Amino acid sequence: AHALLYCLYVVFRASPDLLLLNGPGTCVPVAWSAVLMNALCVWRRRSCRIVYIESVCRVRTLSLSARLLYYVADRIFVQWQ
């Protein structure tokens, strides 16, 4: 909860156009903060795009981070079939 609140502060202050995220679970609060910013800040001309890149070591299943961000990320890149 503390990480999510701090991420909300950082993301709203920085107001990024693109978030490029990779494997670790620490990126999930940042991504959800961007989703919340997109929903609340309708006056922005551009919304923040979320791109998630799955780690190379994940060859059989998606990581928990990828499964949590599957429906909110604009693009998810997986390096296996």
PDB file of N, CA and C in Angstrom:
ATOM      1  N   ALA A   1       0.825  -1.189   0.000  1.00  0.00           N
ATOM      2  CA  ALA A   1       0.000   0.000   0.000  1.00  0.00           C
ATOM      3  C   ALA A   1       0.874   1.259   0.000  1.00  0.00           C
ATOM      4  N   HIS A   2       1.963   1.196   0.762  1.00  0.00           N
ATOM      5  CA  HIS A   2       2.863   2.349   0.822  1.00  0.00           C
ATOM      6  C   HIS A   2       3.525   2.577  -0.539  1.00  0.00           C
ATOM      7  N   ALA A   3       3.934   1.494  -1.201  1.00  0.00           N
ATOM      8  CA  ALA A   3       4.557   1.618  -2.522  1.00  0.00           C
ATOM      9  C   ALA A   3       3.573   2.185  -3.539  1.00  0.00           C
ATOM     10  N   LEU A   4       2.315   1.768  -3.470  1.00  0.00           N
ATOM     11  CA  LEU A   4       1.315   2.271  -4.403  1.00  0.00           C
ATOM     12  C   LEU A   4       1.072   3.769  -4.202  1.00  0.00           C
ATOM     13  N   LEU A   5       1.001   4.208  -2.958  1.00  0.00           N
ATOM     14  CA  LEU A   5       0.808   5.638  -2.694  1.00  0.00           C
ATOM     15  C   LEU A   5       1.988   6.466  -3.201  1.00  0.00           C
ATOM     16  N   TYR A   6       3.199   5.968  -2.974  1.00  0.00           N
ATOM     17  CA  TYR A   6       4.369   6.698  -3.450  1.00  0.00           C
ATOM     18  C   TYR A   6       4.420   6.704  -4.984  1.00  0.00           C
ATOM     19  N   CYS A   7       4.060   5.581  -5.600  1.00  0.00           N
ATOM     20  CA  CYS A   7       4.035   5.517  -7.064  1.00  0.00           C
ATOM     21  C   CYS A   7       2.992   6.470  -7.639  1.00  0.00           C
ATOM     22  N   LEU A   8       1.862   6.586  -6.971  1.00  0.00           N
ATOM     23  CA  LEU A   8       0.850   7.546  -7.411  1.00  0.00           C
ATOM     24  C   LEU A   8       1.428   8.959  -7.429  1.00  0.00           C
ATOM     25  N   TYR A   9       2.129   9.315  -6.376  1.00  0.00           N
ATOM     26  CA  TYR A   9       2.751  10.639  -6.291  1.00  0.00           C
ATOM     27  C   TYR A   9       3.762  10.844  -7.418  1.00  0.00           C
ATOM     28  N   VAL A  10       4.637   9.870  -7.623  1.00  0.00           N
ATOM     29  CA  VAL A  10       5.690  10.010  -8.643  1.00  0.00           C
ATOM     30  C   VAL A  10       5.104  10.051 -10.047  1.00  0.00           C
ATOM     31  N   VAL A  11       4.174   9.173 -10.348  1.00  0.00           N
ATOM     32  CA  VAL A  11       3.601   9.112 -11.700  1.00  0.00           C
ATOM     33  C   VAL A  11       2.779  10.358 -12.003  1.00  0.00           C
ATOM     34  N   PHE A  12       1.971  10.811 -11.061  1.00  0.00           N
ATOM     35  CA  PHE A  12       1.183  12.021 -11.300  1.00  0.00           C
ATOM     36  C   PHE A  12       2.083  13.244 -11.447  1.00  0.00           C
ATOM     37  N   ARG A  13       3.182  13.276 -10.706  1.00  0.00           N
ATOM     38  CA  ARG A  13       4.094  14.413 -10.801  1.00  0.00           C
ATOM     39  C   ARG A  13       4.878  14.404 -12.105  1.00  0.00           C
ATOM     40  N   ALA A  14       5.351  13.244 -12.526  1.00  0.00           N
ATOM     41  CA  ALA A  14       6.146  13.141 -13.750  1.00  0.00           C
ATOM     42  C   ALA A  14       5.276  13.190 -15.003  1.00  0.00           C
ATOM     43  N   SER A  15       4.075  12.665 -14.923  1.00  0.00           N
ATOM     44  CA  SER A  15       3.128  12.625 -16.027  1.00  0.00           C
ATOM     45  C   SER A  15       3.765  12.081 -17.314  1.00  0.00           C
ATOM     46  N   PRO A  16       4.216  10.815 -17.293  1.00  0.00           N
ATOM     47  CA  PRO A  16       4.919  10.248 -18.449  1.00  0.00           C
ATOM     48  C   PRO A  16       3.974   9.949 -19.615  1.00  0.00           C
ATOM     49  N   ASP A  17       4.547   9.887 -20.810  1.00  0.00           N
ATOM     50  CA  ASP A  17       3.796   9.478 -21.989  1.00  0.00           C
ATOM     51  C   ASP A  17       3.930   7.983 -22.243  1.00  0.00           C
ATOM     52  N   LEU A  18       5.016   7.383 -21.721  1.00  0.00           N
ATOM     53  CA  LEU A  18       5.283   5.964 -21.939  1.00  0.00           C
ATOM     54  C   LEU A  18       5.928   5.369 -20.702  1.00  0.00           C
ATOM     55  N   LEU A  19       5.444   4.200 -20.292  1.00  0.00           N
ATOM     56  CA  LEU A  19       6.095   3.418 -19.253  1.00  0.00           C
ATOM     57  C   LEU A  19       6.595   2.145 -19.903  1.00  0.00           C
ATOM     58  N   LEU A  20       7.889   1.911 -19.825  1.00  0.00           N
ATOM     59  CA  LEU A  20       8.507   0.701 -20.359  1.00  0.00           C
ATOM     60  C   LEU A  20       8.910  -0.140 -19.164  1.00  0.00           C
ATOM     61  N   LEU A  21       8.225  -1.250 -18.971  1.00  0.00           N
ATOM     62  CA  LEU A  21       8.389  -2.065 -17.768  1.00  0.00           C
ATOM     63  C   LEU A  21       8.921  -3.433 -18.137  1.00  0.00           C
ATOM     64  N   ASN A  22       9.662  -4.045 -17.187  1.00  0.00           N
ATOM     65  CA  ASN A  22      10.125  -5.415 -17.405  1.00  0.00           C
ATOM     66  C   ASN A  22       9.753  -6.266 -16.212  1.00  0.00           C
ATOM     67  N   GLY A  23      10.236  -7.474 -16.158  1.00  0.00           N
ATOM     68  CA  GLY A  23       9.853  -8.553 -15.284  1.00  0.00           C
ATOM     69  C   GLY A  23       9.522  -8.390 -13.824  1.00  0.00           C
ATOM     70  N   PRO A  24      10.224  -7.633 -13.013  1.00  0.00           N
ATOM     71  CA  PRO A  24       9.983  -7.749 -11.571  1.00  0.00           C
ATOM     72  C   PRO A  24       8.625  -7.211 -11.135  1.00  0.00           C
ATOM     73  N   GLY A  25       8.151  -7.732 -10.003  1.00  0.00           N
ATOM     74  CA  GLY A  25       6.850  -7.346  -9.486  1.00  0.00           C
ATOM     75  C   GLY A  25       6.784  -5.929  -8.979  1.00  0.00           C
ATOM     76  N   THR A  26       7.921  -5.264  -8.833  1.00  0.00           N
ATOM     77  CA  THR A  26       7.904  -3.882  -8.353  1.00  0.00           C
ATOM     78  C   THR A  26       7.345  -2.923  -9.392  1.00  0.00           C
ATOM     79  N   CYS A  27       7.172  -3.378 -10.615  1.00  0.00           N
ATOM     80  CA  CYS A  27       6.634  -2.497 -11.649  1.00  0.00           C
ATOM     81  C   CYS A  27       5.108  -2.450 -11.620  1.00  0.00           C
ATOM     82  N   VAL A  28       4.459  -3.359 -10.917  1.00  0.00           N
ATOM     83  CA  VAL A  28       2.993  -3.424 -10.906  1.00  0.00           C
ATOM     84  C   VAL A  28       2.363  -2.172 -10.291  1.00  0.00           C
ATOM     85  N   PRO A  29       2.829  -1.673  -9.121  1.00  0.00           N
ATOM     86  CA  PRO A  29       2.229  -0.431  -8.600  1.00  0.00           C
ATOM     87  C   PRO A  29       2.432   0.766  -9.520  1.00  0.00           C
ATOM     88  N   VAL A  30       3.558   0.818 -10.210  1.00  0.00           N
ATOM     89  CA  VAL A  30       3.814   1.918 -11.146  1.00  0.00           C
ATOM     90  C   VAL A  30       2.818   1.851 -12.294  1.00  0.00           C
ATOM     91  N   ALA A  31       2.583   0.660 -12.823  1.00  0.00           N
ATOM     92  CA  ALA A  31       1.657   0.504 -13.938  1.00  0.00           C
ATOM     93  C   ALA A  31       0.228   0.839 -13.518  1.00  0.00           C
ATOM     94  N   TRP A  32      -0.192   0.382 -12.347  1.00  0.00           N
ATOM     95  CA  TRP A  32      -1.545   0.690 -11.890  1.00  0.00           C
ATOM     96  C   TRP A  32      -1.705   2.166 -11.580  1.00  0.00           C
ATOM     97  N   SER A  33      -0.629   2.826 -11.175  1.00  0.00           N
ATOM     98  CA  SER A  33      -0.675   4.276 -10.978  1.00  0.00           C
ATOM     99  C   SER A  33      -0.903   4.988 -12.308  1.00  0.00           C
ATOM    100  N   ALA A  34      -0.262   4.500 -13.362  1.00  0.00           N
ATOM    101  CA  ALA A  34      -0.450   5.085 -14.690  1.00  0.00           C
ATOM    102  C   ALA A  34      -1.876   4.852 -15.190  1.00  0.00           C
ATOM    103  N   VAL A  35      -2.425   3.683 -14.909  1.00  0.00           N
ATOM    104  CA  VAL A  35      -3.810   3.399 -15.293  1.00  0.00           C
ATOM    105  C   VAL A  35      -4.759   4.356 -14.583  1.00  0.00           C
ATOM    106  N   LEU A  36      -4.521   4.578 -13.303  1.00  0.00           N
ATOM    107  CA  LEU A  36      -5.353   5.508 -12.543  1.00  0.00           C
ATOM    108  C   LEU A  36      -5.198   6.930 -13.061  1.00  0.00           C
ATOM    109  N   MET A  37      -3.974   7.316 -13.406  1.00  0.00           N
ATOM    110  CA  MET A  37      -3.741   8.650 -13.964  1.00  0.00           C
ATOM    111  C   MET A  37      -4.487   8.814 -15.287  1.00  0.00           C
ATOM    112  N   ASN A  38      -4.464   7.789 -16.132  1.00  0.00           N
ATOM    113  CA  ASN A  38      -5.191   7.854 -17.405  1.00  0.00           C
ATOM    114  C   ASN A  38      -6.687   8.009 -17.179  1.00  0.00           C
ATOM    115  N   ALA A  39      -7.211   7.346 -16.147  1.00  0.00           N
ATOM    116  CA  ALA A  39      -8.651   7.415 -15.895  1.00  0.00           C
ATOM    117  C   ALA A  39      -9.068   8.755 -15.297  1.00  0.00           C
ATOM    118  N   LEU A  40      -8.220   9.320 -14.448  1.00  0.00           N
ATOM    119  CA  LEU A  40      -8.592  10.553 -13.756  1.00  0.00           C
ATOM    120  C   LEU A  40      -8.236  11.823 -14.512  1.00  0.00           C
ATOM    121  N   CYS A  41      -7.178  11.798 -15.271  1.00  0.00           N
ATOM    122  CA  CYS A  41      -6.690  13.004 -15.960  1.00  0.00           C
ATOM    123  C   CYS A  41      -7.190  13.014 -17.399  1.00  0.00           C
ATOM    124  N   VAL A  42      -8.465  13.220 -17.584  1.00  0.00           N
ATOM    125  CA  VAL A  42      -9.048  13.185 -18.924  1.00  0.00           C
ATOM    126  C   VAL A  42      -8.683  14.427 -19.731  1.00  0.00           C
ATOM    127  N   TRP A  43      -8.183  15.484 -19.099  1.00  0.00           N
ATOM    128  CA  TRP A  43      -7.826  16.710 -19.812  1.00  0.00           C
ATOM    129  C   TRP A  43      -6.488  16.598 -20.536  1.00  0.00           C
ATOM    130  N   ARG A  44      -5.707  15.540 -20.235  1.00  0.00           N
ATOM    131  CA  ARG A  44      -4.432  15.353 -20.944  1.00  0.00           C
ATOM    132  C   ARG A  44      -4.707  14.976 -22.384  1.00  0.00           C
ATOM    133  N   ARG A  45      -3.914  15.516 -23.281  1.00  0.00           N
ATOM    134  CA  ARG A  45      -4.089  15.183 -24.698  1.00  0.00           C
ATOM    135  C   ARG A  45      -3.708  13.740 -24.977  1.00  0.00           C
ATOM    136  N   ARG A  46      -2.644  13.271 -24.343  1.00  0.00           N
ATOM    137  CA  ARG A  46      -2.175  11.909 -24.557  1.00  0.00           C
ATOM    138  C   ARG A  46      -2.255  11.123 -23.260  1.00  0.00           C
ATOM    139  N   SER A  47      -2.637   9.883 -23.377  1.00  0.00           N
ATOM    140  CA  SER A  47      -2.607   9.037 -22.192  1.00  0.00           C
ATOM    141  C   SER A  47      -1.248   8.345 -22.116  1.00  0.00           C
ATOM    142  N   CYS A  48      -0.933   7.857 -20.961  1.00  0.00           N
ATOM    143  CA  CYS A  48       0.330   7.162 -20.748  1.00  0.00           C
ATOM    144  C   CYS A  48       0.210   5.750 -21.301  1.00  0.00           C
ATOM    145  N   ARG A  49       1.067   5.395 -22.226  1.00  0.00           N
ATOM    146  CA  ARG A  49       1.077   4.051 -22.800  1.00  0.00           C
ATOM    147  C   ARG A  49       1.923   3.148 -21.917  1.00  0.00           C
ATOM    148  N   ILE A  50       1.487   1.921 -21.725  1.00  0.00           N
ATOM    149  CA  ILE A  50       2.186   0.965 -20.877  1.00  0.00           C
ATOM    150  C   ILE A  50       2.666  -0.191 -21.748  1.00  0.00           C
ATOM    151  N   VAL A  51       3.976  -0.405 -21.759  1.00  0.00           N
ATOM    152  CA  VAL A  51       4.590  -1.500 -22.519  1.00  0.00           C
ATOM    153  C   VAL A  51       5.330  -2.387 -21.521  1.00  0.00           C
ATOM    154  N   TYR A  52       4.980  -3.658 -21.493  1.00  0.00           N
ATOM    155  CA  TYR A  52       5.595  -4.614 -20.574  1.00  0.00           C
ATOM    156  C   TYR A  52       6.398  -5.620 -21.384  1.00  0.00           C
ATOM    157  N   ILE A  53       7.639  -5.849 -20.991  1.00  0.00           N
ATOM    158  CA  ILE A  53       8.505  -6.821 -21.662  1.00  0.00           C
ATOM    159  C   ILE A  53       8.778  -7.948 -20.682  1.00  0.00           C
ATOM    160  N   GLU A  54       8.356  -9.139 -21.045  1.00  0.00           N
ATOM    161  CA  GLU A  54       8.563 -10.302 -20.182  1.00  0.00           C
ATOM    162  C   GLU A  54      10.025 -10.704 -20.186  1.00  0.00           C
ATOM    163  N   SER A  55      10.484 -11.159 -19.056  1.00  0.00           N
ATOM    164  CA  SER A  55      11.877 -11.563 -18.906  1.00  0.00           C
ATOM    165  C   SER A  55      12.202 -12.758 -19.804  1.00  0.00           C
ATOM    166  N   VAL A  56      13.439 -12.847 -20.244  1.00  0.00           N
ATOM    167  CA  VAL A  56      13.871 -13.929 -21.131  1.00  0.00           C
ATOM    168  C   VAL A  56      13.818 -15.267 -20.412  1.00  0.00           C
ATOM    169  N   CYS A  57      13.988 -15.280 -19.105  1.00  0.00           N
ATOM    170  CA  CYS A  57      14.024 -16.543 -18.366  1.00  0.00           C
ATOM    171  C   CYS A  57      12.646 -17.194 -18.249  1.00  0.00           C
ATOM    172  N   ARG A  58      11.578 -16.483 -18.570  1.00  0.00           N
ATOM    173  CA  ARG A  58      10.239 -17.069 -18.526  1.00  0.00           C
ATOM    174  C   ARG A  58       9.956 -17.750 -19.857  1.00  0.00           C
ATOM    175  N   VAL A  59      10.088 -19.073 -19.917  1.00  0.00           N
ATOM    176  CA  VAL A  59       9.940 -19.776 -21.190  1.00  0.00           C
ATOM    177  C   VAL A  59       8.714 -20.682 -21.248  1.00  0.00           C
ATOM    178  N   ARG A  60       8.060 -20.919 -20.140  1.00  0.00           N
ATOM    179  CA  ARG A  60       6.896 -21.805 -20.174  1.00  0.00           C
ATOM    180  C   ARG A  60       5.593 -21.097 -19.816  1.00  0.00           C
ATOM    181  N   THR A  61       5.621 -20.229 -18.854  1.00  0.00           N
ATOM    182  CA  THR A  61       4.396 -19.537 -18.422  1.00  0.00           C
ATOM    183  C   THR A  61       4.702 -18.061 -18.218  1.00  0.00           C
ATOM    184  N   LEU A  62       3.639 -17.268 -18.163  1.00  0.00           N
ATOM    185  CA  LEU A  62       3.800 -15.845 -17.868  1.00  0.00           C
ATOM    186  C   LEU A  62       4.082 -15.653 -16.380  1.00  0.00           C
ATOM    187  N   SER A  63       4.819 -14.616 -16.072  1.00  0.00           N
ATOM    188  CA  SER A  63       5.085 -14.293 -14.673  1.00  0.00           C
ATOM    189  C   SER A  63       3.823 -13.711 -14.041  1.00  0.00           C
ATOM    190  N   LEU A  64       3.818 -13.613 -12.726  1.00  0.00           N
ATOM    191  CA  LEU A  64       2.680 -13.041 -12.027  1.00  0.00           C
ATOM    192  C   LEU A  64       2.493 -11.575 -12.420  1.00  0.00           C
ATOM    193  N   SER A  65       3.590 -10.849 -12.609  1.00  0.00           N
ATOM    194  CA  SER A  65       3.506  -9.447 -13.041  1.00  0.00           C
ATOM    195  C   SER A  65       2.819  -9.339 -14.394  1.00  0.00           C
ATOM    196  N   ALA A  66       3.179 -10.200 -15.318  1.00  0.00           N
ATOM    197  CA  ALA A  66       2.570 -10.176 -16.649  1.00  0.00           C
ATOM    198  C   ALA A  66       1.085 -10.517 -16.578  1.00  0.00           C
ATOM    199  N   ARG A  67       0.728 -11.470 -15.726  1.00  0.00           N
ATOM    200  CA  ARG A  67      -0.684 -11.821 -15.591  1.00  0.00           C
ATOM    201  C   ARG A  67      -1.487 -10.694 -14.953  1.00  0.00           C
ATOM    202  N   LEU A  68      -0.878  -9.941 -14.033  1.00  0.00           N
ATOM    203  CA  LEU A  68      -1.570  -8.815 -13.407  1.00  0.00           C
ATOM    204  C   LEU A  68      -1.739  -7.642 -14.361  1.00  0.00           C
ATOM    205  N   LEU A  69      -0.798  -7.483 -15.296  1.00  0.00           N
ATOM    206  CA  LEU A  69      -0.835  -6.344 -16.214  1.00  0.00           C
ATOM    207  C   LEU A  69      -1.390  -6.697 -17.593  1.00  0.00           C
ATOM    208  N   TYR A  70      -1.808  -7.928 -17.788  1.00  0.00           N
ATOM    209  CA  TYR A  70      -2.237  -8.404 -19.101  1.00  0.00           C
ATOM    210  C   TYR A  70      -3.375  -7.564 -19.681  1.00  0.00           C
ATOM    211  N   TYR A  71      -4.324  -7.168 -18.882  1.00  0.00           N
ATOM    212  CA  TYR A  71      -5.501  -6.461 -19.392  1.00  0.00           C
ATOM    213  C   TYR A  71      -5.368  -4.944 -19.366  1.00  0.00           C
ATOM    214  N   VAL A  72      -4.333  -4.413 -18.708  1.00  0.00           N
ATOM    215  CA  VAL A  72      -4.191  -2.957 -18.633  1.00  0.00           C
ATOM    216  C   VAL A  72      -3.041  -2.434 -19.480  1.00  0.00           C
ATOM    217  N   ALA A  73      -2.095  -3.292 -19.838  1.00  0.00           N
ATOM    218  CA  ALA A  73      -0.961  -2.845 -20.647  1.00  0.00           C
ATOM    219  C   ALA A  73      -1.383  -2.698 -22.103  1.00  0.00           C
ATOM    220  N   ASP A  74      -0.803  -1.705 -22.767  1.00  0.00           N
ATOM    221  CA  ASP A  74      -1.091  -1.523 -24.187  1.00  0.00           C
ATOM    222  C   ASP A  74      -0.406  -2.574 -25.037  1.00  0.00           C
ATOM    223  N   ARG A  75       0.793  -2.947 -24.663  1.00  0.00           N
ATOM    224  CA  ARG A  75       1.552  -3.997 -25.369  1.00  0.00           C
ATOM    225  C   ARG A  75       2.285  -4.840 -24.348  1.00  0.00           C
ATOM    226  N   ILE A  76       2.302  -6.155 -24.599  1.00  0.00           N
ATOM    227  CA  ILE A  76       3.105  -7.085 -23.802  1.00  0.00           C
ATOM    228  C   ILE A  76       3.953  -7.879 -24.772  1.00  0.00           C
ATOM    229  N   PHE A  77       5.254  -7.799 -24.589  1.00  0.00           N
ATOM    230  CA  PHE A  77       6.190  -8.534 -25.430  1.00  0.00           C
ATOM    231  C   PHE A  77       6.708  -9.735 -24.663  1.00  0.00           C
ATOM    232  N   VAL A  78       6.539 -10.908 -25.271  1.00  0.00           N
ATOM    233  CA  VAL A  78       7.017 -12.153 -24.690  1.00  0.00           C
ATOM    234  C   VAL A  78       8.027 -12.732 -25.656  1.00  0.00           C
ATOM    235  N   GLN A  79       9.152 -13.192 -25.148  1.00  0.00           N
ATOM    236  CA  GLN A  79      10.233 -13.630 -26.020  1.00  0.00           C
ATOM    237  C   GLN A  79      10.218 -15.145 -26.247  1.00  0.00           C
ATOM    238  N   TRP A  80       9.044 -15.742 -26.128  1.00  0.00           N
ATOM    239  CA  TRP A  80       8.865 -17.140 -26.473  1.00  0.00           C
ATOM    240  C   TRP A  80       7.518 -17.271 -27.166  1.00  0.00           C
ATOM    241  N   GLN A  81       7.278 -18.387 -27.773  1.00  0.00           N
ATOM    242  CA  GLN A  81       6.064 -18.566 -28.590  1.00  0.00           C
ATOM    243  C   GLN A  81       4.799 -18.610 -27.780  1.00  0.00           C
TER     244      GLN A  81
END
